[in-house]
Amino acid sequence: MGLLIDIGVAKTNKYASRESGDTAEVVERPTGGFSVVLSDGQGSGRAAKSLSQTVCARAVAMLKDGVRDGAVARGVQDALFASRHGQVSATLEIVSVDLRTQELIVSRFAEQPLLLSHGDEHDLVGIGGNPAGRYALARPFVIRRPLDAGLRVVVVSDGIAESGRRCAGHNFDLLPWAAAVPPESSAQETADNLLAAALAHDAEKPYDDMTAVVVRIDRHDGGSNLVRRLSLRVPVS
């Protein structure tokens, strides 16, 4: 019996805005495994989208070249600071399942927390960081965990982290939400559940772009027929 890598992404744009400032990409690592890159560009609309796409594209290119995650995050941060002189920032989240080291690795420049779960245990980590591009010589927040069935990491853009601030008077709380999600839920089901909960917290009119990324490690008994599947569903207005 081996391990199963399960990745799910759910996102939506700010209410009354046609363009989302969040960009998410999935890339296969040359040394084995996969990485998910999420960036939220400063502001919203077309300018934010262009920025987040640039950040993601640079990170993805370096990951494809085999550069280690921490170095990728630093390289993107330094390039953004050098080109924009600290006047423009973007969050950067790299969640990797590295089959060479048998680790789950998260490297990030972000202020909002991420959720790390293992079975029924849930922790918020990485609170109080800074986005990329704001300070010279900034370092990413990095966590590493051995691959194990039941391990799950959830990263969100600030649209989810801060949902409800204006409607409910407080930010969305990931811990009670995580405790209510069945541990056997797939990554996509979990991401969809989280996005729906955040939208409800903003009265179905999101104040900012929202993206949820879930990476889950489970067990599989697929025998010799190891089929990989990747799906994408994008509504176009």
Protein backbone atom coordinates (compact mmCIF):
# COMPACT_ATOMS: atom_id res chain seq x y z
CA MET A 1 0.00 0.00 0.00
CA GLY A 2 1.41 3.39 -1.03
CA LEU A 3 0.64 7.06 -0.54
CA LEU A 4 -1.78 9.16 -2.54
CA ILE A 5 -1.16 12.84 -3.34
CA ASP A 6 -4.49 14.66 -3.43
CA ILE A 7 -4.65 18.33 -4.52
CA GLY A 8 -7.71 20.57 -4.70
CA VAL A 9 -8.12 24.25 -5.60
CA ALA A 10 -11.27 26.39 -5.40
CA LYS A 11 -11.33 30.10 -6.21
CA THR A 12 -13.61 32.98 -7.06
CA ASN A 13 -13.24 36.64 -7.83
CA LYS A 14 -14.21 39.69 -5.82
CA TYR A 15 -17.89 40.63 -6.03
CA ALA A 16 -18.67 42.73 -9.13
CA SER A 17 -15.15 42.17 -10.48
CA ARG A 18 -14.51 40.11 -13.59
CA GLU A 19 -10.80 39.55 -12.91
CA SER A 20 -9.33 37.73 -9.92
CA GLY A 21 -6.01 38.95 -8.52
CA ASP A 22 -5.21 35.41 -7.32
CA THR A 23 -3.27 32.93 -9.45
CA ALA A 24 -2.76 29.23 -8.66
CA GLU A 25 -0.58 26.79 -10.61
CA VAL A 26 0.29 23.11 -10.22
CA VAL A 27 3.68 21.89 -11.45
CA GLU A 28 5.35 18.46 -11.51
CA ARG A 29 8.75 18.47 -9.81
CA PRO A 30 11.67 17.13 -11.91
CA THR A 31 12.96 15.09 -8.93
CA GLY A 32 9.54 13.60 -8.20
CA GLY A 33 6.37 14.99 -6.68
CA PHE A 34 4.24 18.06 -7.23
CA SER A 35 4.12 21.69 -6.14
CA VAL A 36 1.21 24.10 -5.92
CA VAL A 37 2.02 27.80 -6.24
CA LEU A 38 -0.45 30.44 -5.08
CA SER A 39 0.02 34.19 -5.38
CA ASP A 40 -2.26 37.07 -4.49
CA GLY A 41 -1.23 40.33 -6.13
CA GLN A 42 -1.55 43.62 -4.28
CA GLY A 43 -4.89 45.31 -4.93
CA SER A 44 -7.47 43.76 -7.24
CA GLY A 45 -8.47 43.57 -10.87
CA ARG A 46 -6.23 43.41 -13.92
CA ALA A 47 -3.11 44.92 -12.30
CA ALA A 48 -3.25 42.46 -9.40
CA LYS A 49 -3.80 39.57 -11.81
CA SER A 50 -0.82 40.57 -13.93
CA LEU A 51 1.37 40.76 -10.82
CA SER A 52 0.26 37.39 -9.41
CA GLN A 53 0.73 35.72 -12.81
CA THR A 54 4.27 37.11 -13.03
CA VAL A 55 5.09 35.88 -9.52
CA CYS A 56 3.68 32.42 -10.21
CA ALA A 57 5.38 32.12 -13.59
CA ARG A 58 8.79 32.93 -12.10
CA ALA A 59 8.28 30.44 -9.26
CA VAL A 60 7.04 27.68 -11.58
CA ALA A 61 10.01 28.14 -13.95
CA MET A 62 12.48 27.78 -11.09
CA LEU A 63 10.69 24.74 -9.67
CA LYS A 64 10.78 23.08 -13.09
CA ASP A 65 14.54 23.67 -13.15
CA GLY A 66 14.90 21.76 -9.89
CA VAL A 67 15.62 24.75 -7.65
CA ARG A 68 14.81 24.05 -3.99
CA ASP A 69 11.63 25.61 -2.65
CA GLY A 70 13.21 28.00 -0.15
CA ALA A 71 15.55 29.33 -2.84
CA VAL A 72 12.61 29.72 -5.23
CA ALA A 73 10.69 31.80 -2.70
CA ARG A 74 13.73 33.97 -1.97
CA GLY A 75 14.47 34.43 -5.66
CA VAL A 76 10.92 35.57 -6.44
CA GLN A 77 10.90 37.93 -3.43
CA ASP A 78 14.27 39.47 -4.37
CA ALA A 79 13.30 39.89 -8.02
CA LEU A 80 10.02 41.59 -7.08
CA PHE A 81 11.73 43.92 -4.61
CA ALA A 82 14.44 44.82 -7.13
CA SER A 83 11.98 45.57 -9.94
CA ARG A 84 9.40 47.46 -7.88
CA HIS A 85 11.67 48.96 -5.17
CA GLY A 86 9.48 47.75 -2.33
CA GLN A 87 6.44 49.67 -3.58
CA VAL A 88 4.47 46.63 -4.75
CA SER A 89 3.97 43.32 -2.95
CA ALA A 90 2.33 39.94 -3.50
CA THR A 91 1.80 36.90 -1.34
CA LEU A 92 3.56 33.71 -2.40
CA GLU A 93 2.72 30.20 -1.19
CA ILE A 94 4.57 27.11 -2.42
CA VAL A 95 3.18 23.81 -1.15
CA SER A 96 5.25 20.84 -2.29
CA VAL A 97 5.11 17.09 -1.99
CA ASP A 98 8.77 16.18 -2.52
CA LEU A 99 9.13 12.48 -3.31
CA ARG A 100 12.93 12.70 -3.28
CA THR A 101 13.05 13.72 0.40
CA GLN A 102 9.65 12.18 1.27
CA GLU A 103 8.51 15.48 2.78
CA LEU A 104 5.67 17.96 2.54
CA ILE A 105 7.28 21.40 2.32
CA VAL A 106 5.59 24.80 2.58
CA SER A 107 7.56 27.96 1.72
CA ARG A 108 5.65 31.21 2.00
CA PHE A 109 5.57 34.98 2.08
CA ALA A 110 2.12 35.72 3.50
CA GLU A 111 0.44 37.41 6.46
CA GLN A 112 -2.54 35.09 6.86
CA PRO A 113 -2.07 31.74 8.61
CA LEU A 114 -2.10 28.33 7.01
CA LEU A 115 -3.83 25.30 8.43
CA LEU A 116 -1.81 22.15 9.07
CA SER A 117 -3.77 19.04 10.02
CA HIS A 118 -2.90 15.45 10.83
CA GLY A 119 -5.96 13.36 11.50
CA ASP A 120 -8.02 15.15 14.16
CA GLU A 121 -5.21 17.54 15.14
CA HIS A 122 -5.34 21.04 13.59
CA ASP A 123 -2.85 23.90 13.97
CA LEU A 124 -2.59 27.42 12.56
CA VAL A 125 1.01 28.25 11.68
CA GLY A 126 2.91 31.03 9.93
CA ILE A 127 0.87 33.88 11.41
CA GLY A 128 2.25 37.40 11.06
CA GLY A 129 4.54 37.01 8.06
CA ASN A 130 5.06 39.50 5.25
CA PRO A 131 4.26 39.34 1.53
CA ALA A 132 7.04 39.15 -1.05
CA GLY A 133 8.51 42.34 -2.48
CA ARG A 134 8.07 44.56 0.55
CA TYR A 135 11.48 44.29 2.25
CA ALA A 136 15.01 43.68 1.00
CA LEU A 137 16.63 40.37 2.03
CA ALA A 138 13.34 39.03 3.46
CA ARG A 139 13.22 35.31 4.18
CA PRO A 140 10.29 32.95 3.63
CA PHE A 141 8.56 31.05 6.41
CA VAL A 142 9.28 27.35 5.79
CA ILE A 143 7.82 24.23 7.37
CA ARG A 144 8.68 20.61 6.58
CA ARG A 145 6.79 17.47 7.57
CA PRO A 146 7.47 13.80 6.73
CA LEU A 147 4.93 12.38 4.30
CA ASP A 148 2.32 10.40 6.19
CA ALA A 149 -1.27 9.37 5.51
CA GLY A 150 -3.68 11.81 7.14
CA LEU A 151 -1.46 14.86 6.64
CA ARG A 152 -3.28 17.88 5.17
CA VAL A 153 -2.30 21.49 4.55
CA VAL A 154 -4.71 24.30 3.64
CA VAL A 155 -3.51 27.66 2.37
CA VAL A 156 -5.84 30.54 1.56
CA SER A 157 -5.67 34.00 0.08
CA ASP A 158 -6.62 36.93 2.29
CA GLY A 159 -10.09 37.06 0.75
CA ILE A 160 -10.90 33.89 2.69
CA ALA A 161 -8.83 34.70 5.78
CA GLU A 162 -10.56 38.07 6.18
CA SER A 163 -14.05 37.09 5.03
CA GLY A 164 -16.78 38.17 7.41
CA ARG A 165 -14.88 41.12 8.81
CA ARG A 166 -17.49 43.52 7.47
CA CYS A 167 -20.58 41.30 7.66
CA ALA A 168 -20.00 39.29 10.83
CA GLY A 169 -17.58 41.66 12.58
CA HIS A 170 -14.73 39.13 12.73
CA ASN A 171 -12.46 37.22 10.37
CA PHE A 172 -13.16 33.66 9.27
CA ASP A 173 -11.86 31.15 11.84
CA LEU A 174 -10.20 28.16 10.20
CA LEU A 175 -9.93 25.97 13.31
CA PRO A 176 -13.63 25.30 14.02
CA TRP A 177 -14.23 24.89 10.29
CA ALA A 178 -11.42 22.30 10.07
CA ALA A 179 -12.78 20.37 13.05
CA ALA A 180 -16.12 19.99 11.26
CA VAL A 181 -14.68 18.69 7.97
CA PRO A 182 -14.65 14.88 7.74
CA PRO A 183 -11.00 13.72 7.56
CA GLU A 184 -11.85 11.37 4.67
CA SER A 185 -13.00 14.31 2.48
CA SER A 186 -11.01 14.65 -0.72
CA ALA A 187 -8.82 17.70 -1.27
CA GLN A 188 -11.30 19.12 -3.80
CA GLU A 189 -14.26 18.53 -1.50
CA THR A 190 -12.38 20.26 1.31
CA ALA A 191 -11.44 23.24 -0.88
CA ASP A 192 -15.03 23.57 -2.12
CA ASN A 193 -16.35 23.34 1.44
CA LEU A 194 -13.97 26.06 2.62
CA LEU A 195 -14.80 28.41 -0.25
CA ALA A 196 -18.54 27.95 0.35
CA ALA A 197 -18.11 28.69 4.06
CA ALA A 198 -16.07 31.84 3.34
CA LEU A 199 -18.63 33.05 0.80
CA ALA A 200 -21.40 32.57 3.34
CA HIS A 201 -19.33 34.55 5.84
CA ASP A 202 -19.26 37.41 3.31
CA ALA A 203 -23.02 37.12 2.63
CA GLU A 204 -22.27 35.62 -0.83
CA LYS A 205 -20.66 38.90 -1.96
CA PRO A 206 -16.91 38.39 -1.51
CA TYR A 207 -15.14 41.60 -0.56
CA ASP A 208 -11.89 40.28 -2.05
CA ASP A 209 -10.67 37.53 -4.37
CA MET A 210 -10.85 34.13 -2.67
CA THR A 211 -8.68 31.05 -3.23
CA ALA A 212 -8.37 27.86 -1.20
CA VAL A 213 -5.61 25.32 -1.88
CA VAL A 214 -5.70 21.92 -0.17
CA VAL A 215 -2.94 19.32 -0.35
CA ARG A 216 -3.74 16.00 1.32
CA ILE A 217 -1.76 12.80 1.77
CA ASP A 218 -3.73 9.57 1.96
CA ARG A 219 -3.16 5.86 1.41
CA HIS A 220 -4.03 4.00 -1.75
CA ASP A 221 -4.12 0.38 -2.79
CA GLY A 222 -4.06 0.76 -6.53
CA GLY A 223 -2.00 -2.34 -7.23
CA SER A 224 0.15 -2.14 -10.34
CA ASN A 225 -2.27 0.09 -12.26
CA LEU A 226 -1.21 3.52 -10.97
CA VAL A 227 -3.51 5.95 -12.77
CA ARG A 228 -2.95 9.70 -12.34
CA ARG A 229 -5.87 12.09 -12.72
CA LEU A 230 -5.99 15.87 -13.05
CA SER A 231 -9.26 17.77 -13.46
CA LEU A 232 -10.18 21.41 -14.06
CA ARG A 233 -13.61 23.10 -14.03
CA VAL A 234 -13.77 26.79 -14.92
CA PRO A 235 -17.08 28.62 -15.53
CA VAL A 236 -16.77 31.30 -18.21
CA SER A 237 -19.32 34.12 -18.20
